[in-house]
Amino acid sequence: MKTVEKKILPTYFQAVREEKKNFELRKDEDDVRPGDVLILMEWEGGEYTGRTEVRRIRYVLRNVPEHGLFPRYSIIGW
């Protein structure tokens, strides 16, 4: 298990905080796996706001270009 930190814009951060959004579409650069921890850090105006949300990854979708997911991208769900 590992921990991955990612920047997230305020609009998306708020949707995560309100549990309206339970996924991220990201470049597949961290080799995340189910069980890993994702720390989403709100990023606004070129700096961190100090607000964070922590989620345990439950599912990772990758390698399905036939369904519109570009190569080297993944959908991370929690």
N, C-alpha and C. Protein backbone atom coordinates (compact mmCIF):
# COMPACT_ATOMS: atom_id res chain seq x y z
N MET A 1 0.85 -1.18 0.00
CA MET A 1 0.00 0.00 0.00
C MET A 1 0.89 1.24 0.00
N LYS A 2 0.48 2.23 -0.78
CA LYS A 2 1.21 3.50 -0.80
C LYS A 2 0.24 4.65 -0.72
N THR A 3 0.80 5.84 -0.49
CA THR A 3 0.03 7.07 -0.42
C THR A 3 0.44 7.96 -1.58
N VAL A 4 -0.56 8.50 -2.28
CA VAL A 4 -0.33 9.37 -3.43
C VAL A 4 -1.04 10.70 -3.17
N GLU A 5 -0.31 11.80 -3.36
CA GLU A 5 -0.88 13.13 -3.19
C GLU A 5 -1.13 13.75 -4.56
N LYS A 6 -2.30 14.39 -4.72
CA LYS A 6 -2.66 15.03 -5.98
C LYS A 6 -3.32 16.38 -5.70
N LYS A 7 -3.02 17.34 -6.58
CA LYS A 7 -3.70 18.63 -6.56
C LYS A 7 -5.10 18.44 -7.12
N ILE A 8 -6.04 19.26 -6.63
CA ILE A 8 -7.40 19.23 -7.15
C ILE A 8 -7.98 20.64 -7.07
N LEU A 9 -8.64 21.06 -8.14
CA LEU A 9 -9.23 22.40 -8.18
C LEU A 9 -10.44 22.50 -7.25
N PRO A 10 -10.75 23.71 -6.75
CA PRO A 10 -11.81 23.88 -5.76
C PRO A 10 -13.17 23.30 -6.14
N THR A 11 -13.59 23.47 -7.39
CA THR A 11 -14.90 22.95 -7.81
C THR A 11 -14.97 21.44 -7.61
N TYR A 12 -13.94 20.75 -8.04
CA TYR A 12 -13.91 19.29 -7.92
C TYR A 12 -13.68 18.87 -6.47
N PHE A 13 -12.86 19.63 -5.75
CA PHE A 13 -12.62 19.34 -4.34
C PHE A 13 -13.92 19.37 -3.55
N GLN A 14 -14.71 20.41 -3.78
CA GLN A 14 -15.98 20.53 -3.05
C GLN A 14 -16.91 19.37 -3.36
N ALA A 15 -16.95 18.93 -4.61
CA ALA A 15 -17.80 17.79 -4.97
C ALA A 15 -17.33 16.52 -4.27
N VAL A 16 -16.03 16.36 -4.12
CA VAL A 16 -15.50 15.21 -3.38
C VAL A 16 -15.90 15.33 -1.92
N ARG A 17 -15.70 16.50 -1.36
CA ARG A 17 -16.01 16.72 0.06
C ARG A 17 -17.49 16.44 0.35
N GLU A 18 -18.36 16.81 -0.58
CA GLU A 18 -19.80 16.59 -0.40
C GLU A 18 -20.23 15.19 -0.82
N GLU A 19 -19.26 14.36 -1.20
CA GLU A 19 -19.49 12.98 -1.62
C GLU A 19 -20.39 12.88 -2.85
N LYS A 20 -20.33 13.90 -3.69
CA LYS A 20 -21.03 13.88 -4.98
C LYS A 20 -20.14 13.28 -6.06
N LYS A 21 -18.84 13.31 -5.84
CA LYS A 21 -17.86 12.81 -6.81
C LYS A 21 -16.99 11.77 -6.10
N ASN A 22 -16.92 10.57 -6.69
CA ASN A 22 -16.16 9.49 -6.05
C ASN A 22 -15.14 8.86 -7.01
N PHE A 23 -14.59 9.69 -7.88
CA PHE A 23 -13.60 9.21 -8.84
C PHE A 23 -12.72 10.36 -9.30
N GLU A 24 -11.59 10.01 -9.88
CA GLU A 24 -10.70 10.98 -10.52
C GLU A 24 -10.25 10.41 -11.84
N LEU A 25 -10.23 11.22 -12.86
CA LEU A 25 -9.64 10.87 -14.15
C LEU A 25 -8.26 11.52 -14.16
N ARG A 26 -7.22 10.70 -14.24
CA ARG A 26 -5.86 11.20 -14.11
C ARG A 26 -4.91 10.53 -15.08
N LYS A 27 -3.77 11.19 -15.34
CA LYS A 27 -2.69 10.51 -16.04
C LYS A 27 -2.27 9.34 -15.17
N ASP A 28 -2.00 8.22 -15.81
CA ASP A 28 -1.66 7.00 -15.09
C ASP A 28 -0.16 6.98 -14.82
N GLU A 29 0.28 7.86 -13.92
CA GLU A 29 1.71 8.04 -13.69
C GLU A 29 2.19 7.54 -12.33
N ASP A 30 1.29 7.13 -11.47
CA ASP A 30 1.68 6.72 -10.13
C ASP A 30 1.47 5.23 -9.86
N ASP A 31 0.98 4.49 -10.86
CA ASP A 31 0.73 3.06 -10.71
C ASP A 31 -0.09 2.76 -9.45
N VAL A 32 -1.17 3.53 -9.25
CA VAL A 32 -2.02 3.30 -8.08
C VAL A 32 -2.77 1.99 -8.23
N ARG A 33 -3.06 1.40 -7.10
CA ARG A 33 -3.75 0.11 -7.01
C ARG A 33 -4.83 0.18 -5.94
N PRO A 34 -5.83 -0.69 -6.03
CA PRO A 34 -6.80 -0.76 -4.93
C PRO A 34 -6.08 -0.99 -3.61
N GLY A 35 -6.52 -0.27 -2.60
CA GLY A 35 -5.89 -0.34 -1.29
C GLY A 35 -4.96 0.83 -1.02
N ASP A 36 -4.47 1.49 -2.08
CA ASP A 36 -3.62 2.66 -1.90
C ASP A 36 -4.46 3.82 -1.35
N VAL A 37 -3.77 4.80 -0.78
CA VAL A 37 -4.44 5.97 -0.22
C VAL A 37 -4.19 7.16 -1.14
N LEU A 38 -5.26 7.88 -1.46
CA LEU A 38 -5.20 9.07 -2.30
C LEU A 38 -5.49 10.29 -1.43
N ILE A 39 -4.55 11.23 -1.40
CA ILE A 39 -4.76 12.48 -0.67
C ILE A 39 -4.97 13.57 -1.72
N LEU A 40 -6.16 14.15 -1.70
CA LEU A 40 -6.51 15.22 -2.63
C LEU A 40 -6.33 16.55 -1.90
N MET A 41 -5.47 17.41 -2.46
CA MET A 41 -5.13 18.68 -1.83
C MET A 41 -5.64 19.82 -2.70
N GLU A 42 -6.53 20.62 -2.14
CA GLU A 42 -7.13 21.71 -2.91
C GLU A 42 -6.06 22.71 -3.35
N TRP A 43 -6.13 23.08 -4.64
CA TRP A 43 -5.14 23.95 -5.28
C TRP A 43 -5.88 25.10 -5.95
N GLU A 44 -5.57 26.32 -5.53
CA GLU A 44 -6.26 27.48 -6.11
C GLU A 44 -5.28 28.65 -6.21
N GLY A 45 -5.27 29.29 -7.37
CA GLY A 45 -4.43 30.47 -7.56
C GLY A 45 -2.94 30.18 -7.45
N GLY A 46 -2.54 28.98 -7.83
CA GLY A 46 -1.12 28.63 -7.80
C GLY A 46 -0.58 28.21 -6.45
N GLU A 47 -1.48 27.93 -5.50
CA GLU A 47 -1.01 27.47 -4.18
C GLU A 47 -2.05 26.58 -3.52
N TYR A 48 -1.59 25.82 -2.54
CA TYR A 48 -2.49 24.96 -1.78
C TYR A 48 -3.30 25.79 -0.80
N THR A 49 -4.57 25.41 -0.62
CA THR A 49 -5.44 26.14 0.31
C THR A 49 -5.33 25.60 1.74
N GLY A 50 -4.79 24.40 1.88
CA GLY A 50 -4.72 23.77 3.19
C GLY A 50 -5.82 22.74 3.42
N ARG A 51 -6.80 22.72 2.52
CA ARG A 51 -7.88 21.74 2.67
C ARG A 51 -7.50 20.45 1.95
N THR A 52 -7.76 19.32 2.59
CA THR A 52 -7.45 18.01 2.01
C THR A 52 -8.59 17.05 2.24
N GLU A 53 -8.65 16.06 1.38
CA GLU A 53 -9.57 14.93 1.54
C GLU A 53 -8.75 13.66 1.30
N VAL A 54 -8.96 12.68 2.13
CA VAL A 54 -8.23 11.42 2.03
C VAL A 54 -9.21 10.32 1.66
N ARG A 55 -8.85 9.53 0.66
CA ARG A 55 -9.70 8.44 0.20
C ARG A 55 -8.86 7.19 -0.04
N ARG A 56 -9.43 6.04 0.30
CA ARG A 56 -8.79 4.76 -0.02
C ARG A 56 -9.29 4.30 -1.37
N ILE A 57 -8.37 4.00 -2.27
CA ILE A 57 -8.72 3.60 -3.63
C ILE A 57 -9.35 2.21 -3.60
N ARG A 58 -10.50 2.10 -4.26
CA ARG A 58 -11.21 0.82 -4.33
C ARG A 58 -11.14 0.19 -5.71
N TYR A 59 -10.95 1.04 -6.74
CA TYR A 59 -10.98 0.52 -8.11
C TYR A 59 -10.15 1.42 -9.02
N VAL A 60 -9.46 0.82 -9.97
CA VAL A 60 -8.70 1.57 -10.97
C VAL A 60 -9.05 1.00 -12.34
N LEU A 61 -9.50 1.87 -13.25
CA LEU A 61 -9.82 1.47 -14.61
C LEU A 61 -8.75 2.02 -15.53
N ARG A 62 -8.15 1.14 -16.32
CA ARG A 62 -7.12 1.57 -17.27
C ARG A 62 -7.14 0.62 -18.45
N ASN A 63 -6.49 1.06 -19.53
CA ASN A 63 -6.31 0.22 -20.72
C ASN A 63 -7.62 -0.20 -21.39
N VAL A 64 -8.53 0.74 -21.56
CA VAL A 64 -9.77 0.46 -22.29
C VAL A 64 -10.03 1.56 -23.33
N PRO A 65 -9.14 1.72 -24.30
CA PRO A 65 -9.34 2.77 -25.30
C PRO A 65 -10.61 2.57 -26.11
N GLU A 66 -11.08 1.34 -26.22
CA GLU A 66 -12.31 1.08 -26.96
C GLU A 66 -13.53 1.73 -26.30
N HIS A 67 -13.38 2.16 -25.04
CA HIS A 67 -14.47 2.84 -24.33
C HIS A 67 -14.16 4.32 -24.11
N GLY A 68 -13.15 4.84 -24.82
CA GLY A 68 -12.87 6.27 -24.79
C GLY A 68 -11.82 6.71 -23.78
N LEU A 69 -11.23 5.78 -23.05
CA LEU A 69 -10.19 6.15 -22.09
C LEU A 69 -8.85 6.15 -22.82
N PHE A 70 -8.26 7.32 -22.94
CA PHE A 70 -7.01 7.46 -23.68
C PHE A 70 -5.89 6.65 -23.04
N PRO A 71 -4.96 6.19 -23.85
CA PRO A 71 -3.79 5.50 -23.30
C PRO A 71 -3.06 6.40 -22.29
N ARG A 72 -2.50 5.79 -21.28
CA ARG A 72 -1.75 6.47 -20.22
C ARG A 72 -2.63 7.31 -19.30
N TYR A 73 -3.94 7.05 -19.31
CA TYR A 73 -4.85 7.67 -18.37
C TYR A 73 -5.59 6.58 -17.61
N SER A 74 -6.08 6.92 -16.41
CA SER A 74 -6.86 5.96 -15.63
C SER A 74 -7.96 6.69 -14.89
N ILE A 75 -8.95 5.93 -14.50
CA ILE A 75 -10.02 6.43 -13.65
C ILE A 75 -9.84 5.75 -12.30
N ILE A 76 -9.72 6.55 -11.27
CA ILE A 76 -9.49 6.05 -9.91
C ILE A 76 -10.78 6.24 -9.13
N GLY A 77 -11.30 5.16 -8.58
CA GLY A 77 -12.53 5.24 -7.81
C GLY A 77 -12.33 4.88 -6.36
N TRP A 78 -13.15 5.48 -5.50
CA TRP A 78 -13.11 5.18 -4.07
C TRP A 78 -14.48 5.00 -3.51
